[in-house]
Amino acid sequence: MELVYLWVGEYKNIKEQGFDFSPRFQCDYNPDTKKLIIDENDDYINIFPDNINITAIVGENGSGKSSVLGILSKILTIGNEIKYFYILKHKNFTVYSNNIKIETDFALEISIPITAKYDELLYLMNDTVELQQYIDMYYLNISHLEREEIIYNDDPSDSIKYLGIYAKNDLEKGTKNSDLPTYSEFDLSKFNFLQSRKIITLLQIEKYKKLIFKHLKIPQPYYVKLSYDKNETIDSLKLIKKDFYKQNNKLRVGSINQLINLLSEIKDNPLVVDIQQYNKFYDLVESIYSDSIPFKYTLLDKKQQPIVFSAGENTIMFYLERIAFLLQEKHEKPIILLFDEIELYLHPAWQQKILNIILDIIKASEVKNFHLILTSHSPFLISDLPKENVIFLNKYKKDEDPNQKDGNCKVLKDGIKKQTFGANIHTLLSDGFFMSGGLMGEFAKGKIEAIKKFYESVIRHKDNTKIQKAYKWSFKFKRKEFQHIHSIIGERFLKTIIGNYLDELELLLSNKNDLIDKRIEALKKEQEYLEGLKND
């Protein structure tokens, strides 16, 4: 089962827009005629494994990237008033619609809320159009706390499974399984401690650890160093013990006593334990603490030297652990992973590698059907994908379309003119879609343009003696800065152009005799240098 297309009537800044999620097909829906057309790309060749599809959603901030992920998570169930339809493909196409009339030659199932009425048509209520019946959907995001209901998981029966560190109530939903950290009770120390076990476990799984060591080139951990304040920790444990004692929770009281006795007997601080000992220690600690955990951990190699992760490596390890966690479950249905702003916290060198690393992890699993839908601003990631796998978003401008508001989401069916796959980032960035304002930083652009504008203004008024006199006075103070800006420009052609501007300004605004004398002096020095070379 494959997600082919999503059409949204209206949601946030998305109005009457369609999104192609399969590179094999191009769909088009006309809301006026109600006609749906599906064209197959006969020339399409899949470069990814047959069980993996990747869709990237790209566009400037506010163009609707995260809103697309938001509505995908919302339409897992049909209990909402959003107008939309989506198309799935197994052997045949099936269109599942909520509040949208469609004319098509394909099999059609319609779900219309009881409040909706269409006099001209007779619809039967159909409860079989819920997307969750066909797809297991996950959401991975580590950057946003609760971005306008995208991560909104108060309902324990919520069908989407949130993998990010800010998903609400995930920890409460699985108190026996702390793989799902939470935002509502989020504490960095607890999260780091939880993740330590997950990362260690990941690095011990044979099919994953070779890939991780190959890509990250980190040593395998053999030991864990635990740092803590012994007296303070024991005192806090005694306070926690009192609360559980009042609740008559004998199991927790027994665990606390066990940990207090263990810490009391330990003389070393920090404590170094091997991986197996740490796993047992982790289980004991995790069963006691519901909030901040007082233990800080450091992974050690075989020689008990610290394994230091960069910020990018930490981020990638988090991604891989989360993805491996969802892959370890048995899935009868296809998986869709919504991955928001995948390149966050990653150095460009890691942005080049992250998609290949994730693909290797997915290929090492036994998953039958995996669809990664990601949002990104990174040209490195886009260069790993054919443009048929990319949804390009822009924003409607004022008065561009009478049916659209200024800033509404606009799907660019033609995307960009160039192919994205294998393109270098300069080629991608040079396309106006990515960088409509050019490739230069605004500060540098302003400084360079100031020279150009000054030059153009001087040329425009070169016959006006009075104005030229003012320019000479101004250039006297600007010359030094202009010359310095010219000297530090990194792009050769641009540097030559600005140099020509400055040479002409010198001729127009400086004392010509002084300028000639300086040039003669420079030529004399060059002659002396050349004469010296000849004598050698």
Protein backbone atom coordinates (compact mmCIF):
# COMPACT_ATOMS: atom_id res chain seq x y z
CA MET A 1 0.00 0.00 0.00
CA GLU A 2 1.45 3.34 -1.09
CA LEU A 3 0.43 6.91 -0.32
CA VAL A 4 0.18 8.53 -3.75
CA TYR A 5 -1.51 11.91 -3.32
CA LEU A 6 -3.07 14.27 -0.78
CA TRP A 7 -5.41 17.13 -1.67
CA VAL A 8 -6.32 19.66 1.01
CA GLY A 9 -9.39 21.90 0.82
CA GLU A 10 -8.30 24.24 3.60
CA TYR A 11 -5.98 23.84 6.58
CA LYS A 12 -3.97 26.66 8.13
CA ASN A 13 -2.22 28.39 5.21
CA ILE A 14 -3.01 25.55 2.78
CA LYS A 15 -6.01 26.10 0.50
CA GLU A 16 -6.95 23.89 -2.44
CA GLN A 17 -3.50 22.40 -2.94
CA GLY A 18 -2.43 18.90 -3.99
CA PHE A 19 0.74 17.05 -2.96
CA ASP A 20 2.28 14.16 -4.94
CA PHE A 21 3.94 11.60 -2.67
CA SER A 22 4.74 8.96 -5.29
CA PRO A 23 7.34 9.70 -7.96
CA ARG A 24 5.60 7.16 -10.19
CA PHE A 25 2.46 9.23 -10.61
CA GLN A 26 1.40 12.82 -11.09
CA CYS A 27 -2.09 13.70 -9.90
CA ASP A 28 -4.21 16.73 -10.58
CA TYR A 29 -7.57 17.67 -9.06
CA ASN A 30 -9.73 20.56 -10.27
CA PRO A 31 -11.96 21.79 -7.44
CA ASP A 32 -14.25 23.53 -9.94
CA THR A 33 -14.93 20.58 -12.24
CA LYS A 34 -14.34 18.00 -9.46
CA LYS A 35 -12.29 16.02 -11.97
CA LEU A 36 -9.35 13.94 -10.72
CA ILE A 37 -6.64 12.90 -13.20
CA ILE A 38 -3.81 10.46 -12.44
CA ASP A 39 -0.95 10.20 -14.95
CA GLU A 40 1.69 7.49 -14.65
CA ASN A 41 5.33 8.30 -15.35
CA ASP A 42 6.20 5.47 -17.73
CA ASP A 43 9.87 6.46 -17.80
CA TYR A 44 10.30 6.43 -14.01
CA ILE A 45 13.01 4.14 -12.64
CA ASN A 46 13.29 3.74 -8.87
CA ILE A 47 16.86 4.27 -7.62
CA PHE A 48 15.99 3.33 -4.04
CA PRO A 49 15.26 -0.18 -2.74
CA ASP A 50 11.82 -1.38 -3.84
CA ASN A 51 10.47 -1.25 -0.28
CA ILE A 52 11.60 2.35 0.39
CA ASN A 53 10.15 5.63 -0.83
CA ILE A 54 11.44 9.09 0.12
CA THR A 55 9.63 12.39 -0.27
CA ALA A 56 11.23 15.72 0.62
CA ILE A 57 9.11 18.83 1.16
CA VAL A 58 11.13 22.00 0.62
CA GLY A 59 10.30 25.69 0.66
CA GLU A 60 10.94 28.91 2.52
CA ASN A 61 9.81 29.46 6.10
CA GLY A 62 6.05 29.79 6.35
CA SER A 63 5.36 28.09 3.02
CA GLY A 64 3.51 25.20 4.69
CA LYS A 65 6.06 22.39 5.04
CA SER A 66 5.18 21.52 8.62
CA SER A 67 1.48 22.08 7.94
CA VAL A 68 1.60 19.23 5.41
CA LEU A 69 3.04 16.94 8.09
CA GLY A 70 0.41 18.25 10.49
CA ILE A 71 -2.53 17.36 8.28
CA LEU A 72 -1.09 13.92 7.51
CA SER A 73 -1.02 13.21 11.23
CA LYS A 74 -4.56 14.54 11.65
CA ILE A 75 -6.17 12.48 8.90
CA LEU A 76 -5.16 9.18 10.43
CA THR A 77 -8.74 9.24 11.69
CA ILE A 78 -11.69 10.96 10.03
CA GLY A 79 -13.02 12.63 13.15
CA ASN A 80 -12.39 16.15 11.92
CA GLU A 81 -14.02 18.74 9.67
CA ILE A 82 -11.06 19.27 7.35
CA LYS A 83 -11.87 18.86 3.67
CA TYR A 84 -9.36 16.55 2.05
CA PHE A 85 -8.90 13.38 0.10
CA TYR A 86 -5.95 11.05 -0.37
CA ILE A 87 -5.11 8.33 -2.84
CA LEU A 88 -3.62 4.96 -1.95
CA LYS A 89 -2.21 2.44 -4.41
CA HIS A 90 -1.98 -1.28 -3.87
CA LYS A 91 -2.92 -3.26 -6.93
CA ASN A 92 -5.41 -0.57 -7.88
CA PHE A 93 -5.96 3.05 -6.93
CA THR A 94 -8.45 3.87 -4.20
CA VAL A 95 -9.50 7.42 -3.36
CA TYR A 96 -10.55 8.16 0.21
CA SER A 97 -12.44 11.39 0.58
CA ASN A 98 -13.66 13.47 3.49
CA ASN A 99 -16.11 16.21 2.45
CA ILE A 100 -14.81 16.39 -1.13
CA LYS A 101 -16.81 15.48 -4.23
CA ILE A 102 -14.68 13.69 -6.84
CA GLU A 103 -15.28 12.46 -10.35
CA THR A 104 -12.86 9.74 -11.35
CA ASP A 105 -12.68 6.41 -13.11
CA PHE A 106 -11.08 4.75 -10.09
CA ALA A 107 -12.63 2.97 -7.10
CA LEU A 108 -14.00 5.57 -4.72
CA GLU A 109 -14.91 5.44 -1.06
CA ILE A 110 -16.53 8.49 0.52
CA SER A 111 -16.87 9.54 4.13
CA ILE A 112 -19.21 12.47 4.78
CA PRO A 113 -19.90 13.75 8.31
CA ILE A 114 -23.55 13.62 9.32
CA THR A 115 -23.73 17.43 9.35
CA ALA A 116 -22.72 17.65 5.68
CA LYS A 117 -25.52 17.63 3.11
CA TYR A 118 -25.39 17.38 -0.65
CA ASP A 119 -28.81 17.53 -2.29
CA GLU A 120 -27.61 16.46 -5.69
CA LEU A 121 -25.78 13.32 -4.51
CA LEU A 122 -26.47 10.43 -2.24
CA TYR A 123 -23.53 9.39 -0.08
CA LEU A 124 -23.33 6.43 2.22
CA MET A 125 -21.43 6.76 5.46
CA ASN A 126 -18.26 4.72 5.21
CA ASP A 127 -16.15 4.13 8.30
CA THR A 128 -13.42 2.25 6.46
CA VAL A 129 -11.55 5.29 5.16
CA GLU A 130 -9.40 5.89 8.22
CA LEU A 131 -5.76 6.04 7.12
CA GLN A 132 -4.60 4.28 10.29
CA GLN A 133 -6.23 1.08 9.02
CA TYR A 134 -3.71 0.95 6.21
CA ILE A 135 -0.57 2.71 7.49
CA ASP A 136 1.48 2.94 10.69
CA MET A 137 2.54 6.56 10.96
CA TYR A 138 5.33 7.99 13.11
CA TYR A 139 6.47 11.54 13.73
CA LEU A 140 10.09 12.47 14.52
CA ASN A 141 10.95 16.01 15.56
CA ILE A 142 13.48 17.28 18.06
CA SER A 143 13.17 21.00 17.61
CA HIS A 144 9.70 22.26 18.41
CA LEU A 145 7.82 21.99 21.67
CA GLU A 146 4.27 22.04 20.33
CA ARG A 147 4.21 23.78 17.01
CA GLU A 148 0.56 24.70 16.60
CA GLU A 149 -0.98 21.31 17.27
CA ILE A 150 1.37 19.29 15.06
CA ILE A 151 2.70 17.59 18.19
CA TYR A 152 -0.48 17.29 20.16
CA ASN A 153 -0.77 13.97 21.90
CA ASP A 154 -2.95 14.40 24.99
CA ASP A 155 -5.27 11.59 23.97
CA PRO A 156 -3.80 8.19 24.94
CA SER A 157 -5.70 6.66 22.02
CA ASP A 158 -4.01 8.97 19.51
CA SER A 159 -3.08 6.84 16.53
CA ILE A 160 0.12 8.59 15.49
CA LYS A 161 3.25 7.50 17.35
CA TYR A 162 5.54 10.36 18.29
CA LEU A 163 9.25 9.59 18.41
CA GLY A 164 10.64 13.04 19.24
CA ILE A 165 11.69 14.19 22.67
CA TYR A 166 8.81 16.63 22.91
CA ALA A 167 5.83 14.36 22.38
CA LYS A 168 3.20 14.83 25.07
CA ASN A 169 2.28 11.99 27.41
CA ASP A 170 4.29 9.32 25.58
CA LEU A 171 6.08 8.40 28.78
CA GLU A 172 2.78 8.20 30.63
CA LYS A 173 1.29 6.07 27.88
CA GLY A 174 4.06 3.52 28.29
CA THR A 175 5.14 3.63 31.92
CA LYS A 176 6.50 0.11 31.59
CA ASN A 177 8.38 1.11 28.48
CA SER A 178 10.36 4.31 28.87
CA ASP A 179 11.50 4.34 25.26
CA LEU A 180 9.18 7.28 24.69
CA PRO A 181 10.41 10.45 26.42
CA THR A 182 8.01 13.31 27.02
CA TYR A 183 7.73 17.05 26.84
CA SER A 184 5.05 17.50 29.49
CA GLU A 185 7.41 16.09 32.11
CA PHE A 186 10.59 16.68 30.18
CA ASP A 187 13.90 16.92 31.99
CA LEU A 188 17.19 16.88 30.11
CA SER A 189 18.99 14.75 32.71
CA LYS A 190 16.28 12.10 32.57
CA PHE A 191 16.22 12.14 28.80
CA ASN A 192 20.02 11.81 28.57
CA PHE A 193 19.92 8.91 31.00
CA LEU A 194 17.13 7.19 29.07
CA GLN A 195 18.96 7.70 25.81
CA SER A 196 22.19 6.28 27.21
CA ARG A 197 20.58 2.83 27.50
CA LYS A 198 19.00 3.08 24.07
CA ILE A 199 22.25 4.12 22.39
CA ILE A 200 24.24 1.43 24.18
CA THR A 201 21.66 -1.16 23.11
CA LEU A 202 21.77 0.11 19.52
CA LEU A 203 25.56 -0.20 19.45
CA GLN A 204 25.28 -3.81 20.57
CA ILE A 205 22.85 -4.92 17.82
CA GLU A 206 25.00 -6.64 15.24
CA LYS A 207 23.14 -5.51 12.10
CA TYR A 208 23.22 -1.86 13.19
CA LYS A 209 26.51 -1.39 14.99
CA LYS A 210 28.69 -2.13 11.94
CA LEU A 211 26.82 0.52 9.96
CA ILE A 212 27.07 3.05 12.76
CA PHE A 213 30.76 2.48 13.33
CA LYS A 214 31.34 2.70 9.56
CA HIS A 215 29.53 6.01 9.19
CA LEU A 216 30.39 7.71 12.48
CA LYS A 217 33.83 6.15 12.97
CA ILE A 218 33.43 6.09 16.75
CA PRO A 219 34.98 3.44 19.02
CA GLN A 220 32.73 0.78 20.51
CA PRO A 221 31.77 1.49 24.16
CA TYR A 222 32.87 -1.11 26.71
CA TYR A 223 32.35 0.81 29.95
CA VAL A 224 30.20 3.57 31.41
CA LYS A 225 31.44 6.18 33.86
CA LEU A 226 28.75 7.35 36.29
CA SER A 227 29.25 10.65 38.10
CA TYR A 228 27.03 11.77 40.99
CA ASP A 229 26.99 13.46 44.40
CA LYS A 230 26.90 10.48 46.78
CA ASN A 231 25.47 12.11 49.91
CA GLU A 232 22.99 14.28 48.03
CA THR A 233 21.78 11.32 45.98
CA ILE A 234 21.28 9.07 49.01
CA ASP A 235 19.40 11.86 50.83
CA SER A 236 17.07 12.38 47.84
CA LEU A 237 16.48 8.63 47.62
CA LYS A 238 15.41 8.58 51.27
CA LEU A 239 12.86 11.34 50.57
CA ILE A 240 11.50 9.44 47.58
CA LYS A 241 11.35 6.31 49.73
CA LYS A 242 9.07 8.09 52.24
CA ASP A 243 6.58 8.95 49.50
CA PHE A 244 6.44 5.38 48.23
CA TYR A 245 6.21 4.07 51.79
CA LYS A 246 3.11 6.21 52.37
CA GLN A 247 1.65 4.79 49.15
CA ASN A 248 2.41 1.28 50.42
CA ASN A 249 4.41 0.66 47.24
CA LYS A 250 6.59 -2.16 48.55
CA LEU A 251 8.17 -2.88 45.18
CA ARG A 252 9.49 0.69 44.77
CA VAL A 253 10.59 0.84 48.42
CA GLY A 254 12.56 -2.40 47.90
CA SER A 255 14.24 -0.98 44.77
CA ILE A 256 15.20 2.21 46.60
CA ASN A 257 16.69 0.27 49.50
CA GLN A 258 18.67 -1.79 47.01
CA LEU A 259 20.07 1.36 45.33
CA ILE A 260 20.85 3.07 48.67
CA ASN A 261 22.77 0.00 49.86
CA LEU A 262 24.64 -0.18 46.54
CA LEU A 263 25.67 3.48 46.63
CA SER A 264 26.64 3.28 50.31
CA GLU A 265 29.04 0.41 49.63
CA ILE A 266 30.64 2.01 46.56
CA LYS A 267 33.83 3.90 47.33
CA ASP A 268 34.67 5.04 43.82
CA ASN A 269 33.10 8.21 42.51
CA PRO A 270 32.79 8.43 39.60
CA LEU A 271 31.89 4.79 39.25
CA VAL A 272 33.06 2.83 36.19
CA VAL A 273 31.06 -0.25 35.23
CA ASP A 274 31.05 -2.49 32.19
CA ILE A 275 28.12 -2.47 29.78
CA GLN A 276 26.30 -5.43 31.32
CA GLN A 277 26.60 -4.00 34.82
CA TYR A 278 25.36 -0.67 33.53
CA ASN A 279 22.26 -2.27 32.00
CA LYS A 280 21.33 -3.72 35.40
CA PHE A 281 22.10 -0.42 37.13
CA TYR A 282 19.98 1.44 34.56
CA ASP A 283 16.98 -0.84 35.15
CA LEU A 284 17.23 -0.24 38.88
CA VAL A 285 17.53 3.56 38.60
CA GLU A 286 14.84 3.87 35.94
CA SER A 287 12.35 2.01 38.15
CA ILE A 288 12.75 4.63 40.89
CA TYR A 289 13.05 8.09 39.35
CA SER A 290 10.07 9.73 37.67
CA ASP A 291 11.74 13.11 37.16
CA SER A 292 15.32 14.42 37.15
CA ILE A 293 17.96 11.70 37.46
CA PRO A 294 21.11 12.65 39.42
CA PHE A 295 23.51 10.43 37.47
CA LYS A 296 25.61 11.73 34.61
CA TYR A 297 27.11 9.16 32.30
CA THR A 298 30.09 9.02 29.97
CA LEU A 299 30.73 6.19 27.52
CA LEU A 300 34.26 4.75 27.66
CA ASP A 301 36.21 2.70 25.14
CA LYS A 302 38.15 -0.51 25.76
CA LYS A 303 41.00 1.46 27.39
CA GLN A 304 38.47 3.36 29.54
CA GLN A 305 39.04 6.56 27.60
CA PRO A 306 36.00 8.84 27.10
CA ILE A 307 34.12 8.52 23.81
CA VAL A 308 33.33 12.10 22.88
CA PHE A 309 30.39 12.73 20.58
CA SER A 310 30.11 15.97 18.65
CA ALA A 311 26.74 17.73 18.61
CA GLY A 312 26.14 16.33 15.12
CA GLU A 313 27.06 12.78 16.19
CA ASN A 314 24.75 13.07 19.21
CA THR A 315 21.92 14.18 16.93
CA ILE A 316 22.52 11.37 14.45
CA MET A 317 22.70 8.78 17.24
CA PHE A 318 19.36 10.06 18.51
CA TYR A 319 17.84 9.79 15.04
CA LEU A 320 19.17 6.28 14.49
CA GLU A 321 18.07 5.04 17.89
CA ARG A 322 14.55 6.38 17.32
CA ILE A 323 14.31 4.86 13.84
CA ALA A 324 15.73 1.54 15.04
CA PHE A 325 13.16 1.60 17.85
CA LEU A 326 10.24 1.83 15.40
CA LEU A 327 11.81 -0.76 13.08
CA GLN A 328 12.17 -3.36 15.83
CA GLU A 329 8.39 -3.68 16.06
CA LYS A 330 6.59 -6.05 13.72
CA HIS A 331 4.64 -4.12 11.09
CA GLU A 332 1.98 -5.72 8.97
CA LYS A 333 1.12 -2.33 7.51
CA PRO A 334 3.42 0.07 5.63
CA ILE A 335 5.30 2.64 7.70
CA ILE A 336 5.27 6.37 7.10
CA LEU A 337 7.82 8.37 9.08
CA LEU A 338 7.21 12.13 9.15
CA PHE A 339 10.57 13.77 9.83
CA ASP A 340 10.48 17.53 10.39
CA GLU A 341 13.61 19.57 9.57
CA ILE A 342 15.94 16.61 9.43
CA GLU A 343 19.11 18.71 9.07
CA LEU A 344 18.73 20.63 12.34
CA TYR A 345 21.91 20.71 14.46
CA LEU A 346 23.88 18.98 11.71
CA HIS A 347 27.09 20.34 10.22
CA PRO A 348 26.98 20.45 6.38
CA ALA A 349 29.30 17.43 6.31
CA TRP A 350 26.68 15.43 8.25
CA GLN A 351 23.88 16.83 6.08
CA GLN A 352 25.66 15.21 3.14
CA LYS A 353 25.63 11.82 4.88
CA ILE A 354 22.46 11.66 6.95
CA LEU A 355 20.10 10.34 4.26
CA ASN A 356 22.52 7.60 3.23
CA ILE A 357 22.99 6.59 6.88
CA ILE A 358 19.23 6.38 7.47
CA LEU A 359 18.78 4.38 4.26
CA ASP A 360 21.41 1.87 5.41
CA ILE A 361 19.61 1.46 8.76
CA ILE A 362 16.25 0.89 7.06
CA LYS A 363 17.79 -1.58 4.55
CA ALA A 364 19.29 -3.56 7.46
CA SER A 365 15.80 -4.09 8.91
CA GLU A 366 13.10 -6.48 7.75
CA VAL A 367 10.49 -3.80 7.13
CA LYS A 368 8.35 -4.47 4.06
CA ASN A 369 7.32 -0.93 3.12
CA PHE A 370 8.86 2.28 4.45
CA HIS A 371 8.00 5.82 3.30
CA LEU A 372 10.14 8.63 4.70
CA ILE A 373 8.50 12.06 4.33
CA LEU A 374 10.85 14.81 5.43
CA THR A 375 10.97 18.58 5.43
CA SER A 376 14.26 20.32 4.81
CA HIS A 377 16.05 23.53 3.89
CA SER A 378 19.27 21.72 3.02
CA PRO A 379 20.49 21.55 -0.60
CA PHE A 380 22.77 18.66 0.46
CA LEU A 381 19.75 16.49 1.20
CA ILE A 382 17.93 17.54 -1.95
CA SER A 383 20.96 16.57 -4.06
CA ASP A 384 20.40 12.97 -2.90
CA LEU A 385 16.91 12.91 -4.44
CA PRO A 386 15.53 13.04 -7.99
CA LYS A 387 13.23 16.03 -8.33
CA GLU A 388 10.28 13.62 -8.78
CA ASN A 389 10.78 12.83 -5.08
CA VAL A 390 10.64 16.49 -4.04
CA ILE A 391 7.58 18.63 -3.33
CA PHE A 392 8.45 22.29 -3.91
CA LEU A 393 6.46 24.87 -1.94
CA ASN A 394 6.29 28.61 -2.32
CA LYS A 395 3.95 31.32 -1.03
CA TYR A 396 1.25 33.13 -2.96
CA LYS A 397 1.89 36.82 -3.41
CA LYS A 398 -0.73 39.48 -2.92
CA ASP A 399 -3.27 39.57 -5.78
CA GLU A 400 -1.56 36.64 -7.53
CA ASP A 401 -4.72 34.53 -7.25
CA PRO A 402 -8.13 35.91 -6.21
CA ASN A 403 -8.88 32.66 -4.35
CA GLN A 404 -5.67 32.77 -2.29
CA LYS A 405 -4.48 34.96 0.55
CA ASP A 406 -1.08 36.60 0.57
CA GLY A 407 1.34 34.02 2.05
CA ASN A 408 -0.79 30.94 1.41
CA CYS A 409 0.95 27.70 0.47
CA LYS A 410 1.60 27.27 -3.26
CA VAL A 411 2.69 23.91 -4.68
CA LEU A 412 5.04 24.36 -7.63
CA LYS A 413 4.20 21.48 -9.95
CA ASP A 414 7.24 22.15 -12.10
CA GLY A 415 9.48 22.60 -9.06
CA ILE A 416 12.80 23.88 -10.29
CA LYS A 417 14.14 23.75 -13.83
CA LYS A 418 17.30 21.78 -13.05
CA GLN A 419 17.57 18.16 -11.95
CA THR A 420 18.28 17.91 -8.23
CA PHE A 421 19.89 14.46 -8.06
CA GLY A 422 23.66 14.64 -7.94
CA ALA A 423 23.60 18.42 -8.33
CA ASN A 424 26.20 20.38 -6.38
CA ILE A 425 24.84 22.83 -3.84
CA HIS A 426 25.97 25.86 -5.86
CA THR A 427 23.86 24.70 -8.80
CA LEU A 428 20.85 24.16 -6.52
CA LEU A 429 21.31 27.40 -4.63
CA SER A 430 21.70 29.37 -7.84
CA ASP A 431 18.13 28.42 -8.75
CA GLY A 432 15.79 31.20 -7.70
CA PHE A 433 13.59 28.68 -5.85
CA PHE A 434 16.20 28.20 -3.12
CA MET A 435 17.83 31.62 -2.99
CA SER A 436 15.74 34.32 -4.63
CA GLY A 437 18.00 36.96 -3.06
CA GLY A 438 21.24 35.48 -4.44
CA LEU A 439 23.98 33.44 -2.78
CA MET A 440 25.65 36.21 -0.80
CA GLY A 441 25.03 37.20 2.81
CA GLU A 442 22.96 40.36 3.16
CA PHE A 443 25.66 42.21 5.14
CA ALA A 444 28.37 41.55 2.52
CA LYS A 445 25.92 42.28 -0.27
CA GLY A 446 25.12 45.66 1.28
CA LYS A 447 28.78 46.64 1.63
CA ILE A 448 29.62 45.70 -1.97
CA GLU A 449 26.50 47.32 -3.38
CA ALA A 450 27.42 50.54 -1.55
CA ILE A 451 30.58 50.77 -3.74
CA LYS A 452 28.57 50.02 -6.88
CA LYS A 453 25.89 52.60 -6.07
CA PHE A 454 28.50 55.25 -5.23
CA TYR A 455 30.28 54.56 -8.52
CA GLU A 456 27.04 54.71 -10.55
CA SER A 457 26.03 57.96 -8.90
CA VAL A 458 29.43 59.54 -9.66
CA ILE A 459 29.18 58.48 -13.32
CA ARG A 460 25.62 59.81 -13.55
CA HIS A 461 26.71 63.29 -12.38
CA LYS A 462 30.23 63.42 -13.81
CA ASP A 463 29.45 66.58 -15.83
CA ASN A 464 28.11 68.45 -12.81
CA THR A 465 31.11 70.24 -11.28
CA LYS A 466 29.32 71.17 -8.06
CA ILE A 467 28.14 67.63 -7.36
CA GLN A 468 31.53 66.18 -8.35
CA LYS A 469 33.17 68.41 -5.76
CA ALA A 470 30.89 66.90 -3.09
CA TYR A 471 31.71 63.39 -4.29
CA LYS A 472 35.45 64.12 -4.08
CA TRP A 473 35.01 65.16 -0.46
CA SER A 474 32.93 62.05 0.29
CA PHE A 475 35.35 59.69 -1.49
CA LYS A 476 38.22 61.05 0.59
CA PHE A 477 36.57 59.48 3.66
CA LYS A 478 35.14 56.37 1.96
CA ARG A 479 38.27 55.38 0.00
CA LYS A 480 39.96 53.40 2.78
CA GLU A 481 36.87 51.32 3.57
CA PHE A 482 36.08 50.76 -0.12
CA GLN A 483 39.64 49.54 -0.75
CA HIS A 484 39.46 47.19 2.23
CA ILE A 485 36.11 45.73 1.13
CA HIS A 486 37.62 45.13 -2.32
CA SER A 487 40.65 43.39 -0.84
CA ILE A 488 38.59 40.84 1.12
CA ILE A 489 36.06 39.84 -1.59
CA GLY A 490 36.39 36.09 -2.14
CA GLU A 491 34.74 35.74 -5.57
CA ARG A 492 37.32 36.55 -8.26
CA PHE A 493 35.06 37.92 -10.99
CA LEU A 494 33.20 40.16 -8.54
CA LYS A 495 36.49 41.35 -7.08
CA THR A 496 37.71 42.34 -10.57
CA ILE A 497 34.51 44.29 -11.28
CA ILE A 498 34.68 46.20 -7.98
CA GLY A 499 38.39 46.83 -8.57
CA ASN A 500 37.55 48.42 -11.93
CA TYR A 501 34.96 50.62 -10.23
CA LEU A 502 37.54 51.84 -7.71
CA ASP A 503 40.19 52.48 -10.38
CA GLU A 504 37.76 54.68 -12.30
CA LEU A 505 36.70 56.48 -9.13
CA GLU A 506 40.34 57.27 -8.44
CA LEU A 507 40.69 58.77 -11.93
CA LEU A 508 37.52 60.83 -11.59
CA LEU A 509 37.77 62.01 -7.99
CA SER A 510 41.44 62.08 -7.02
CA ASN A 511 44.09 64.62 -7.96
CA LYS A 512 45.14 63.36 -11.39
CA ASN A 513 48.76 64.51 -11.03
CA ASP A 514 49.11 62.77 -7.67
CA LEU A 515 47.57 59.63 -9.17
CA ILE A 516 49.95 59.74 -12.15
CA ASP A 517 52.96 60.23 -9.85
CA LYS A 518 51.89 57.22 -7.76
CA ARG A 519 51.50 55.11 -10.88
CA ILE A 520 54.95 56.17 -12.18
CA GLU A 521 56.46 55.27 -8.81
CA ALA A 522 54.77 51.84 -8.92
CA LEU A 523 56.04 51.22 -12.46
CA LYS A 524 59.58 52.16 -11.44
CA LYS A 525 59.52 49.64 -8.61
CA GLU A 526 58.20 46.98 -10.98
CA GLN A 527 60.98 47.83 -13.48
CA GLU A 528 63.63 47.47 -10.75
CA TYR A 529 62.15 44.11 -9.78
CA LEU A 530 62.22 42.85 -13.38
CA GLU A 531 65.78 44.12 -13.92
CA GLY A 532 66.81 42.17 -10.86
CA LEU A 533 65.29 38.99 -12.29
CA LYS A 534 67.19 39.49 -15.55
CA ASN A 535 70.53 39.89 -13.76
CA ASP A 536 69.89 36.71 -11.77
